[in-house]
């Protein structure tokens, strides 16, 4: 009465290569989003990790460092996994190498 009859339409005949082309076109936005994600987020993060790793490996006795907790000190002992950091005269703490966030220029701490 109020609802009209619905009729299904027949699908057009598929062309020879349009099925593959439509699949590629539907995947194109996904591939573009992944490429943007890689160049904007993943690659810079990997570069930052590489720089941090090289900074940690280059630590030497006498370097002035900032730790992840915000402590400033001078490296007094170097080990494979841990370093000794002298925070004040006669006060030394043991830290993991990865806790060092930044190496300061010589003479920063007085």
C-alpha atoms as a PDB file:
ATOM      1  CA  UNK A   1       0.000   0.000   0.000  1.00  0.00           C
ATOM      2  CA  UNK A   2       2.522   2.664   1.141  1.00  0.00           C
ATOM      3  CA  UNK A   3       5.615   0.693   0.168  1.00  0.00           C
ATOM      4  CA  UNK A   4       6.427   0.231  -3.469  1.00  0.00           C
ATOM      5  CA  UNK A   5       7.925  -2.953  -4.800  1.00  0.00           C
ATOM      6  CA  UNK A   6      11.734  -3.066  -5.043  1.00  0.00           C
ATOM      7  CA  UNK A   7      13.356  -4.616  -8.053  1.00  0.00           C
ATOM      8  CA  UNK A   8      16.935  -5.871  -8.093  1.00  0.00           C
ATOM      9  CA  UNK A   9      19.173  -4.570 -10.820  1.00  0.00           C
ATOM     10  CA  UNK A  10      21.318  -6.905 -12.769  1.00  0.00           C
ATOM     11  CA  UNK A  11      25.075  -6.414 -12.396  1.00  0.00           C
ATOM     12  CA  UNK A  12      26.934  -5.231 -15.503  1.00  0.00           C
ATOM     13  CA  UNK A  13      29.263  -7.721 -17.139  1.00  0.00           C
ATOM     14  CA  UNK A  14      32.806  -7.507 -15.765  1.00  0.00           C
ATOM     15  CA  UNK A  15      35.516  -6.460 -18.169  1.00  0.00           C
ATOM     16  CA  UNK A  16      38.692  -8.521 -18.578  1.00  0.00           C
ATOM     17  CA  UNK A  17      41.142  -6.649 -16.263  1.00  0.00           C
ATOM     18  CA  UNK A  18      38.905  -4.316 -14.280  1.00  0.00           C
ATOM     19  CA  UNK A  19      38.593  -6.734 -11.356  1.00  0.00           C
ATOM     20  CA  UNK A  20      42.337  -6.591 -10.631  1.00  0.00           C
ATOM     21  CA  UNK A  21      42.396  -2.848 -11.183  1.00  0.00           C
ATOM     22  CA  UNK A  22      39.537  -2.252  -8.755  1.00  0.00           C
ATOM     23  CA  UNK A  23      41.331  -4.374  -6.116  1.00  0.00           C
ATOM     24  CA  UNK A  24      44.509  -2.305  -6.493  1.00  0.00           C
ATOM     25  CA  UNK A  25      42.579   0.949  -6.367  1.00  0.00           C
ATOM     26  CA  UNK A  26      40.825  -0.111  -3.162  1.00  0.00           C
ATOM     27  CA  UNK A  27      44.185  -0.983  -1.530  1.00  0.00           C
ATOM     28  CA  UNK A  28      45.870   2.251  -2.641  1.00  0.00           C
ATOM     29  CA  UNK A  29      44.616   4.407   0.288  1.00  0.00           C
ATOM     30  CA  UNK A  30      45.786   1.783   2.775  1.00  0.00           C
ATOM     31  CA  UNK A  31      49.240   1.656   1.190  1.00  0.00           C
ATOM     32  CA  UNK A  32      49.473   5.455   1.133  1.00  0.00           C
ATOM     33  CA  UNK A  33      48.506   5.666   4.816  1.00  0.00           C
ATOM     34  CA  UNK A  34      51.184   3.103   5.720  1.00  0.00           C
ATOM     35  CA  UNK A  35      53.808   5.025   3.736  1.00  0.00           C
ATOM     36  CA  UNK A  36      52.924   8.292   5.479  1.00  0.00           C
ATOM     37  CA  UNK A  37      52.939   6.551   8.874  1.00  0.00           C
ATOM     38  CA  UNK A  38      56.379   5.089   8.150  1.00  0.00           C
ATOM     39  CA  UNK A  39      57.971   8.387   7.102  1.00  0.00           C
ATOM     40  CA  UNK A  40      56.288  10.531   9.766  1.00  0.00           C
ATOM     41  CA  UNK A  41      56.451   8.274  12.845  1.00  0.00           C
ATOM     42  CA  UNK A  42      58.437   5.060  12.496  1.00  0.00           C
ATOM     43  CA  UNK A  43      61.556   6.271  10.680  1.00  0.00           C
ATOM     44  CA  UNK A  44      62.246   9.301  12.934  1.00  0.00           C
ATOM     45  CA  UNK A  45      61.774   7.135  16.037  1.00  0.00           C
ATOM     46  CA  UNK A  46      64.288   4.580  14.739  1.00  0.00           C
ATOM     47  CA  UNK A  47      66.753   7.386  13.996  1.00  0.00           C
ATOM     48  CA  UNK A  48      66.351   8.770  17.518  1.00  0.00           C
ATOM     49  CA  UNK A  49      66.929   5.306  19.042  1.00  0.00           C
ATOM     50  CA  UNK A  50      70.075   4.862  16.968  1.00  0.00           C
ATOM     51  CA  UNK A  51      71.450   8.242  18.102  1.00  0.00           C
ATOM     52  CA  UNK A  52      70.696   7.406  21.758  1.00  0.00           C
ATOM     53  CA  UNK A  53      72.396   4.018  21.444  1.00  0.00           C
ATOM     54  CA  UNK A  54      75.540   5.591  19.950  1.00  0.00           C
ATOM     55  CA  UNK A  55      75.576   8.255  22.707  1.00  0.00           C
ATOM     56  CA  UNK A  56      75.346   5.543  25.395  1.00  0.00           C
ATOM     57  CA  UNK A  57      78.166   3.548  23.810  1.00  0.00           C
ATOM     58  CA  UNK A  58      80.388   6.648  23.594  1.00  0.00           C
ATOM     59  CA  UNK A  59      80.121   7.475  27.313  1.00  0.00           C
ATOM     60  CA  UNK A  60      83.509   7.997  28.924  1.00  0.00           C
ATOM     61  CA  UNK A  61      84.780   8.648  32.420  1.00  0.00           C
ATOM     62  CA  UNK A  62      84.491  12.349  33.242  1.00  0.00           C
ATOM     63  CA  UNK A  63      81.479  13.049  31.000  1.00  0.00           C
ATOM     64  CA  UNK A  64      78.787  15.226  32.545  1.00  0.00           C
ATOM     65  CA  UNK A  65      75.360  13.645  32.046  1.00  0.00           C
ATOM     66  CA  UNK A  66      71.661  14.144  32.728  1.00  0.00           C
ATOM     67  CA  UNK A  67      69.696  11.060  33.800  1.00  0.00           C
ATOM     68  CA  UNK A  68      66.105  10.140  33.030  1.00  0.00           C
ATOM     69  CA  UNK A  69      65.223  11.212  36.582  1.00  0.00           C
ATOM     70  CA  UNK A  70      66.652  14.680  35.987  1.00  0.00           C
ATOM     71  CA  UNK A  71      69.825  14.214  38.026  1.00  0.00           C
ATOM     72  CA  UNK A  72      73.029  15.880  36.855  1.00  0.00           C
ATOM     73  CA  UNK A  73      76.331  14.201  37.548  1.00  0.00           C
ATOM     74  CA  UNK A  74      79.768  13.237  36.328  1.00  0.00           C
ATOM     75  CA  UNK A  75      80.519   9.699  35.134  1.00  0.00           C
ATOM     76  CA  UNK A  76      83.066   8.152  37.520  1.00  0.00           C
ATOM     77  CA  UNK A  77      82.908   4.442  36.635  1.00  0.00           C
ATOM     78  CA  UNK A  78      82.036   2.655  33.416  1.00  0.00           C
ATOM     79  CA  UNK A  79      80.739  -0.912  33.233  1.00  0.00           C
ATOM     80  CA  UNK A  80      79.037  -3.002  30.569  1.00  0.00           C
ATOM     81  CA  UNK A  81      75.473  -2.390  31.756  1.00  0.00           C
ATOM     82  CA  UNK A  82      75.916   0.078  34.624  1.00  0.00           C
ATOM     83  CA  UNK A  83      77.775   3.314  35.196  1.00  0.00           C
ATOM     84  CA  UNK A  84      78.744   5.148  38.363  1.00  0.00           C
ATOM     85  CA  UNK A  85      77.631   8.774  38.446  1.00  0.00           C
ATOM     86  CA  UNK A  86      79.020  11.173  41.002  1.00  0.00           C
ATOM     87  CA  UNK A  87      76.220  13.571  41.899  1.00  0.00           C
ATOM     88  CA  UNK A  88      78.150  15.511  44.536  1.00  0.00           C
ATOM     89  CA  UNK A  89      81.594  15.312  46.028  1.00  0.00           C
ATOM     90  CA  UNK A  90      81.827  11.850  47.619  1.00  0.00           C
ATOM     91  CA  UNK A  91      78.230  10.856  46.654  1.00  0.00           C
ATOM     92  CA  UNK A  92      78.055   8.280  43.872  1.00  0.00           C
ATOM     93  CA  UNK A  93      75.107   6.294  42.514  1.00  0.00           C
ATOM     94  CA  UNK A  94      74.962   3.313  40.181  1.00  0.00           C
ATOM     95  CA  UNK A  95      72.710   3.698  37.117  1.00  0.00           C
ATOM     96  CA  UNK A  96      71.866   1.685  34.069  1.00  0.00           C
ATOM     97  CA  UNK A  97      73.507   3.066  30.958  1.00  0.00           C
ATOM     98  CA  UNK A  98      70.095   3.512  29.334  1.00  0.00           C
ATOM     99  CA  UNK A  99      69.095   5.958  32.103  1.00  0.00           C
ATOM    100  CA  UNK A 100      71.406   8.586  30.606  1.00  0.00           C
ATOM    101  CA  UNK A 101      69.339  10.985  28.530  1.00  0.00           C
ATOM    102  CA  UNK A 102      71.860  13.630  27.550  1.00  0.00           C
ATOM    103  CA  UNK A 103      75.599  14.253  27.667  1.00  0.00           C
ATOM    104  CA  UNK A 104      76.334  17.850  28.641  1.00  0.00           C
ATOM    105  CA  UNK A 105      79.223  19.941  27.343  1.00  0.00           C
ATOM    106  CA  UNK A 106      82.346  19.896  29.516  1.00  0.00           C
ATOM    107  CA  UNK A 107      82.287  22.483  32.296  1.00  0.00           C
ATOM    108  CA  UNK A 108      78.513  22.771  32.534  1.00  0.00           C
ATOM    109  CA  UNK A 109      78.483  21.613  36.153  1.00  0.00           C
ATOM    110  CA  UNK A 110      80.493  23.677  38.593  1.00  0.00           C
END
